[in-house]
Amino acid sequence: MIEIRWHGRGGQGTKTAALFLAEAAFELGKFIQGFPEYGPERMGAPITAYNRIGDSPIKIHSNIYTPDYVVVVDETLIGPIDVVAGLDEDGGLIVNTPEDPQSVTERIAGYGGRVYTIDARRISEEELGRYFPNIPMLGAVVKVTGIMEDRFFVEAMEEILKHKFATKPKVVEGNIRALTRSMEEVVGI
């Protein structure tokens, strides 16, 4: 089983990304959990979301305190929040930033594990015309973790997005481009 903790801000699609990941894994026959944890529920407030994905039934029903991977959708949370708390150094930290992994590592005291970076802002603005970091972050997560094969993941996400945006095919196309680009552009692998 792989456990993932997401850190983001309200309105960035962090919860949606965790739920999309769970849905895609479920479509591929995995056992899944995808759920958010809210504090003050308002735009811009820090939120945490979680995923558990495994090949057998998952009997744990709690937040994730020792994740295999941590995803930071908003890099301004590094510092104010201990994003690496409990993070397994055999896993990794995936951060939305234009910086390289070494620069991020230097900002996080006491973490000696792998760091991966992806410029989700640039990708989403180029492919969608607006800043929606969740889909590029989702592509980076699948690439880094290897939870499922890229091709199957993209196919599952295309179906999920077609259902969600049935009347907006351009949104689906842009999100799939953003997803595949992020899988190619994530740095640190």
C-alpha atoms as a PDB file:
ATOM      1  CA  MET A   1       0.000   0.000   0.000  1.00  0.00           C
ATOM      2  CA  ILE A   2       1.170   3.529  -0.813  1.00  0.00           C
ATOM      3  CA  GLU A   3       0.140   6.416   1.422  1.00  0.00           C
ATOM      4  CA  ILE A   4       0.179   9.992   0.121  1.00  0.00           C
ATOM      5  CA  ARG A   5      -0.432  13.240   1.982  1.00  0.00           C
ATOM      6  CA  TRP A   6      -1.316  16.366  -0.006  1.00  0.00           C
ATOM      7  CA  HIS A   7      -0.774  19.950   1.224  1.00  0.00           C
ATOM      8  CA  GLY A   8      -2.439  22.828  -0.605  1.00  0.00           C
ATOM      9  CA  ARG A   9      -4.731  25.788  -0.199  1.00  0.00           C
ATOM     10  CA  GLY A  10      -8.476  25.968  -0.618  1.00  0.00           C
ATOM     11  CA  GLY A  11      -9.358  26.621  -4.249  1.00  0.00           C
ATOM     12  CA  GLN A  12      -6.274  24.974  -5.786  1.00  0.00           C
ATOM     13  CA  GLY A  13      -7.982  21.646  -6.401  1.00  0.00           C
ATOM     14  CA  THR A  14      -5.945  19.677  -3.864  1.00  0.00           C
ATOM     15  CA  LYS A  15      -8.957  17.720  -2.616  1.00  0.00           C
ATOM     16  CA  THR A  16     -10.119  17.138  -6.196  1.00  0.00           C
ATOM     17  CA  ALA A  17      -6.689  15.818  -7.219  1.00  0.00           C
ATOM     18  CA  ALA A  18      -6.680  13.320  -4.328  1.00  0.00           C
ATOM     19  CA  LEU A  19     -10.182  12.174  -5.279  1.00  0.00           C
ATOM     20  CA  PHE A  20      -9.260  11.900  -8.981  1.00  0.00           C
ATOM     21  CA  LEU A  21      -6.216   9.800  -8.066  1.00  0.00           C
ATOM     22  CA  ALA A  22      -8.397   7.487  -5.991  1.00  0.00           C
ATOM     23  CA  GLU A  23     -10.962   7.195  -8.778  1.00  0.00           C
ATOM     24  CA  ALA A  24      -8.322   6.430 -11.422  1.00  0.00           C
ATOM     25  CA  ALA A  25      -6.717   3.778  -9.201  1.00  0.00           C
ATOM     26  CA  PHE A  26     -10.139   2.257  -8.525  1.00  0.00           C
ATOM     27  CA  GLU A  27     -10.803   2.073 -12.280  1.00  0.00           C
ATOM     28  CA  LEU A  28      -7.616   0.037 -12.578  1.00  0.00           C
ATOM     29  CA  GLY A  29      -8.704  -2.449  -9.899  1.00  0.00           C
ATOM     30  CA  LYS A  30      -6.860  -1.014  -6.904  1.00  0.00           C
ATOM     31  CA  PHE A  31      -8.228  -0.639  -3.393  1.00  0.00           C
ATOM     32  CA  ILE A  32      -8.388   3.039  -2.564  1.00  0.00           C
ATOM     33  CA  GLN A  33      -9.043   5.813  -0.116  1.00  0.00           C
ATOM     34  CA  GLY A  34      -9.122   9.499  -0.989  1.00  0.00           C
ATOM     35  CA  PHE A  35     -10.289  12.065   1.540  1.00  0.00           C
ATOM     36  CA  PRO A  36      -9.676  15.651   2.708  1.00  0.00           C
ATOM     37  CA  GLU A  37      -9.112  17.157   6.123  1.00  0.00           C
ATOM     38  CA  TYR A  38     -10.390  20.688   6.533  1.00  0.00           C
ATOM     39  CA  GLY A  39      -9.514  23.436   8.924  1.00  0.00           C
ATOM     40  CA  PRO A  40     -11.205  26.769   8.330  1.00  0.00           C
ATOM     41  CA  GLU A  41     -13.079  26.115   5.086  1.00  0.00           C
ATOM     42  CA  ARG A  42     -12.287  29.147   2.989  1.00  0.00           C
ATOM     43  CA  MET A  43     -10.472  30.008  -0.201  1.00  0.00           C
ATOM     44  CA  GLY A  44      -6.729  30.187   0.393  1.00  0.00           C
ATOM     45  CA  ALA A  45      -6.744  28.398   3.756  1.00  0.00           C
ATOM     46  CA  PRO A  46      -4.339  25.452   4.109  1.00  0.00           C
ATOM     47  CA  ILE A  47      -5.935  22.064   3.533  1.00  0.00           C
ATOM     48  CA  THR A  48      -4.659  18.520   3.689  1.00  0.00           C
ATOM     49  CA  ALA A  49      -5.882  15.580   1.649  1.00  0.00           C
ATOM     50  CA  TYR A  50      -4.896  11.923   1.699  1.00  0.00           C
ATOM     51  CA  ASN A  51      -4.679   8.834  -0.502  1.00  0.00           C
ATOM     52  CA  ARG A  52      -4.159   5.207   0.282  1.00  0.00           C
ATOM     53  CA  ILE A  53      -3.773   2.908  -2.713  1.00  0.00           C
ATOM     54  CA  GLY A  54      -3.144  -0.804  -2.478  1.00  0.00           C
ATOM     55  CA  ASP A  55      -3.629  -4.219  -4.004  1.00  0.00           C
ATOM     56  CA  SER A  56      -5.624  -5.587  -1.059  1.00  0.00           C
ATOM     57  CA  PRO A  57      -8.466  -4.215   1.083  1.00  0.00           C
ATOM     58  CA  ILE A  58      -7.496  -1.222   3.224  1.00  0.00           C
ATOM     59  CA  LYS A  59      -8.602  -1.537   6.825  1.00  0.00           C
ATOM     60  CA  ILE A  60      -7.015   1.641   8.193  1.00  0.00           C
ATOM     61  CA  HIS A  61      -9.393   4.579   8.619  1.00  0.00           C
ATOM     62  CA  SER A  62      -7.400   7.553   9.875  1.00  0.00           C
ATOM     63  CA  ASN A  63      -5.331  10.443   8.630  1.00  0.00           C
ATOM     64  CA  ILE A  64      -1.890   9.554   7.313  1.00  0.00           C
ATOM     65  CA  TYR A  65       0.911  10.346   9.754  1.00  0.00           C
ATOM     66  CA  THR A  66       3.827   8.519   8.115  1.00  0.00           C
ATOM     67  CA  PRO A  67       3.276   8.940   4.369  1.00  0.00           C
ATOM     68  CA  ASP A  68       5.362   7.381   1.651  1.00  0.00           C
ATOM     69  CA  TYR A  69       4.983  10.563  -0.416  1.00  0.00           C
ATOM     70  CA  VAL A  70       4.019  14.153   0.321  1.00  0.00           C
ATOM     71  CA  VAL A  71       2.680  16.454  -2.384  1.00  0.00           C
ATOM     72  CA  VAL A  72       2.973  20.212  -1.880  1.00  0.00           C
ATOM     73  CA  VAL A  73       0.599  21.998  -4.253  1.00  0.00           C
ATOM     74  CA  ASP A  74       1.474  25.444  -2.844  1.00  0.00           C
ATOM     75  CA  GLU A  75       5.161  25.915  -2.025  1.00  0.00           C
ATOM     76  CA  THR A  76       4.385  28.833   0.333  1.00  0.00           C
ATOM     77  CA  LEU A  77       3.268  26.152   2.801  1.00  0.00           C
ATOM     78  CA  ILE A  78       6.878  24.991   3.175  1.00  0.00           C
ATOM     79  CA  GLY A  79       7.980  26.566   6.441  1.00  0.00           C
ATOM     80  CA  PRO A  80       4.668  27.552   8.011  1.00  0.00           C
ATOM     81  CA  ILE A  81       3.673  23.868   7.874  1.00  0.00           C
ATOM     82  CA  ASP A  82       6.046  20.988   8.539  1.00  0.00           C
ATOM     83  CA  VAL A  83       5.248  19.310   5.229  1.00  0.00           C
ATOM     84  CA  VAL A  84       7.832  16.563   5.768  1.00  0.00           C
ATOM     85  CA  ALA A  85       6.518  15.543   9.212  1.00  0.00           C
ATOM     86  CA  GLY A  86       6.582  11.748   9.331  1.00  0.00           C
ATOM     87  CA  LEU A  87       7.646  11.470   5.674  1.00  0.00           C
ATOM     88  CA  ASP A  88       9.435   8.217   4.900  1.00  0.00           C
ATOM     89  CA  GLU A  89      12.848   9.078   3.438  1.00  0.00           C
ATOM     90  CA  ASP A  90      12.500   6.085   1.084  1.00  0.00           C
ATOM     91  CA  GLY A  91       9.503   7.850  -0.498  1.00  0.00           C
ATOM     92  CA  GLY A  92       9.668  11.434  -1.613  1.00  0.00           C
ATOM     93  CA  LEU A  93       8.477  15.004  -1.585  1.00  0.00           C
ATOM     94  CA  ILE A  94       6.813  16.391  -4.742  1.00  0.00           C
ATOM     95  CA  VAL A  95       6.641  20.196  -4.862  1.00  0.00           C
ATOM     96  CA  ASN A  96       4.939  22.632  -7.234  1.00  0.00           C
ATOM     97  CA  THR A  97       7.740  25.109  -7.903  1.00  0.00           C
ATOM     98  CA  PRO A  98       9.877  26.422 -10.756  1.00  0.00           C
ATOM     99  CA  GLU A  99      12.914  25.668  -8.559  1.00  0.00           C
ATOM    100  CA  ASP A 100      15.107  22.596  -8.974  1.00  0.00           C
ATOM    101  CA  PRO A 101      14.998  19.794  -6.365  1.00  0.00           C
ATOM    102  CA  GLN A 102      18.308  20.858  -4.773  1.00  0.00           C
ATOM    103  CA  SER A 103      16.997  24.378  -4.055  1.00  0.00           C
ATOM    104  CA  VAL A 104      13.912  22.940  -2.366  1.00  0.00           C
ATOM    105  CA  THR A 105      16.033  20.509  -0.341  1.00  0.00           C
ATOM    106  CA  GLU A 106      18.073  23.433   1.006  1.00  0.00           C
ATOM    107  CA  ARG A 107      14.856  25.082   2.299  1.00  0.00           C
ATOM    108  CA  ILE A 108      13.741  22.008   4.259  1.00  0.00           C
ATOM    109  CA  ALA A 109      15.866  21.347   7.314  1.00  0.00           C
ATOM    110  CA  GLY A 110      16.251  17.785   8.469  1.00  0.00           C
ATOM    111  CA  TYR A 111      14.837  15.975   5.437  1.00  0.00           C
ATOM    112  CA  GLY A 112      17.280  13.766   3.594  1.00  0.00           C
ATOM    113  CA  GLY A 113      14.908  11.987   1.221  1.00  0.00           C
ATOM    114  CA  ARG A 114      14.230  12.477  -2.449  1.00  0.00           C
ATOM    115  CA  VAL A 115      12.706  15.727  -3.690  1.00  0.00           C
ATOM    116  CA  TYR A 116      10.902  16.144  -7.008  1.00  0.00           C
ATOM    117  CA  THR A 117       9.748  19.406  -8.540  1.00  0.00           C
ATOM    118  CA  ILE A 118       7.247  20.353 -11.213  1.00  0.00           C
ATOM    119  CA  ASP A 119       6.269  23.819 -12.410  1.00  0.00           C
ATOM    120  CA  ALA A 120       2.523  23.179 -12.282  1.00  0.00           C
ATOM    121  CA  ARG A 121       1.776  26.904 -12.572  1.00  0.00           C
ATOM    122  CA  ARG A 122       3.554  27.249 -15.911  1.00  0.00           C
ATOM    123  CA  ILE A 123       2.054  24.049 -17.307  1.00  0.00           C
ATOM    124  CA  SER A 124      -1.511  24.876 -16.273  1.00  0.00           C
ATOM    125  CA  GLU A 125      -1.294  28.458 -17.539  1.00  0.00           C
ATOM    126  CA  GLU A 126       0.117  27.305 -20.886  1.00  0.00           C
ATOM    127  CA  GLU A 127      -2.322  24.425 -21.366  1.00  0.00           C
ATOM    128  CA  LEU A 128      -5.473  25.763 -19.656  1.00  0.00           C
ATOM    129  CA  GLY A 129      -4.968  29.518 -19.782  1.00  0.00           C
ATOM    130  CA  ARG A 130      -5.457  29.750 -15.993  1.00  0.00           C
ATOM    131  CA  TYR A 131      -3.743  28.589 -12.832  1.00  0.00           C
ATOM    132  CA  PHE A 132      -5.118  25.176 -11.847  1.00  0.00           C
ATOM    133  CA  PRO A 133      -2.166  23.273 -10.334  1.00  0.00           C
ATOM    134  CA  ASN A 134      -4.031  20.117  -9.359  1.00  0.00           C
ATOM    135  CA  ILE A 135      -3.948  18.206 -12.659  1.00  0.00           C
ATOM    136  CA  PRO A 136      -0.234  18.813 -13.354  1.00  0.00           C
ATOM    137  CA  MET A 137       0.525  17.799  -9.753  1.00  0.00           C
ATOM    138  CA  LEU A 138      -1.532  14.647 -10.239  1.00  0.00           C
ATOM    139  CA  GLY A 139       0.521  13.672 -13.301  1.00  0.00           C
ATOM    140  CA  ALA A 140       3.751  14.253 -11.375  1.00  0.00           C
ATOM    141  CA  VAL A 141       2.497  12.088  -8.483  1.00  0.00           C
ATOM    142  CA  VAL A 142       1.725   9.143 -10.751  1.00  0.00           C
ATOM    143  CA  LYS A 143       5.072   9.454 -12.545  1.00  0.00           C
ATOM    144  CA  VAL A 144       7.096   9.683  -9.327  1.00  0.00           C
ATOM    145  CA  THR A 145       5.262   6.992  -7.366  1.00  0.00           C
ATOM    146  CA  GLY A 146       4.774   4.540 -10.218  1.00  0.00           C
ATOM    147  CA  ILE A 147       1.428   3.516  -8.663  1.00  0.00           C
ATOM    148  CA  MET A 148       0.091   2.722 -12.107  1.00  0.00           C
ATOM    149  CA  GLU A 149       1.307   2.681 -15.674  1.00  0.00           C
ATOM    150  CA  ASP A 150       1.276   6.093 -17.324  1.00  0.00           C
ATOM    151  CA  ARG A 151      -0.823   4.991 -20.293  1.00  0.00           C
ATOM    152  CA  PHE A 152      -3.536   3.413 -18.159  1.00  0.00           C
ATOM    153  CA  PHE A 153      -3.583   6.427 -15.860  1.00  0.00           C
ATOM    154  CA  VAL A 154      -4.014   8.892 -18.741  1.00  0.00           C
ATOM    155  CA  GLU A 155      -6.823   6.767 -20.211  1.00  0.00           C
ATOM    156  CA  ALA A 156      -8.597   6.563 -16.836  1.00  0.00           C
ATOM    157  CA  MET A 157      -8.235  10.314 -16.296  1.00  0.00           C
ATOM    158  CA  GLU A 158      -9.566  11.062 -19.763  1.00  0.00           C
ATOM    159  CA  GLU A 159     -12.733   9.108 -18.938  1.00  0.00           C
ATOM    160  CA  ILE A 160     -13.057  10.764 -15.520  1.00  0.00           C
ATOM    161  CA  LEU A 161     -12.621  14.242 -17.007  1.00  0.00           C
ATOM    162  CA  LYS A 162     -15.035  13.531 -19.889  1.00  0.00           C
ATOM    163  CA  HIS A 163     -17.665  12.630 -17.310  1.00  0.00           C
ATOM    164  CA  LYS A 164     -16.940  15.678 -15.119  1.00  0.00           C
ATOM    165  CA  PHE A 165     -16.731  18.133 -18.021  1.00  0.00           C
ATOM    166  CA  ALA A 166     -19.190  16.508 -20.448  1.00  0.00           C
ATOM    167  CA  THR A 167     -20.194  19.854 -21.951  1.00  0.00           C
ATOM    168  CA  LYS A 168     -16.651  21.258 -22.090  1.00  0.00           C
ATOM    169  CA  PRO A 169     -14.453  19.091 -24.365  1.00  0.00           C
ATOM    170  CA  LYS A 170     -11.760  21.808 -24.590  1.00  0.00           C
ATOM    171  CA  VAL A 171     -11.327  21.625 -20.802  1.00  0.00           C
ATOM    172  CA  VAL A 172     -10.788  17.860 -21.067  1.00  0.00           C
ATOM    173  CA  GLU A 173      -8.220  18.275 -23.859  1.00  0.00           C
ATOM    174  CA  GLY A 174      -6.298  20.969 -21.963  1.00  0.00           C
ATOM    175  CA  ASN A 175      -6.245  18.935 -18.763  1.00  0.00           C
ATOM    176  CA  ILE A 176      -4.973  15.829 -20.570  1.00  0.00           C
ATOM    177  CA  ARG A 177      -2.196  17.908 -22.178  1.00  0.00           C
ATOM    178  CA  ALA A 178      -1.309  19.349 -18.751  1.00  0.00           C
ATOM    179  CA  LEU A 179      -1.340  15.874 -17.219  1.00  0.00           C
ATOM    180  CA  THR A 180       0.926  14.306 -19.833  1.00  0.00           C
ATOM    181  CA  ARG A 181       3.316  17.283 -19.861  1.00  0.00           C
ATOM    182  CA  SER A 182       3.749  17.114 -16.112  1.00  0.00           C
ATOM    183  CA  MET A 183       4.557  13.418 -16.345  1.00  0.00           C
ATOM    184  CA  GLU A 184       7.316  14.313 -18.802  1.00  0.00           C
ATOM    185  CA  GLU A 185       8.576  17.450 -17.046  1.00  0.00           C
ATOM    186  CA  VAL A 186       8.741  16.413 -13.382  1.00  0.00           C
ATOM    187  CA  VAL A 187      12.364  16.838 -12.238  1.00  0.00           C
ATOM    188  CA  GLY A 188      14.223  14.599  -9.802  1.00  0.00           C
ATOM    189  CA  ILE A 189      13.430  11.200 -11.257  1.00  0.00           C
END
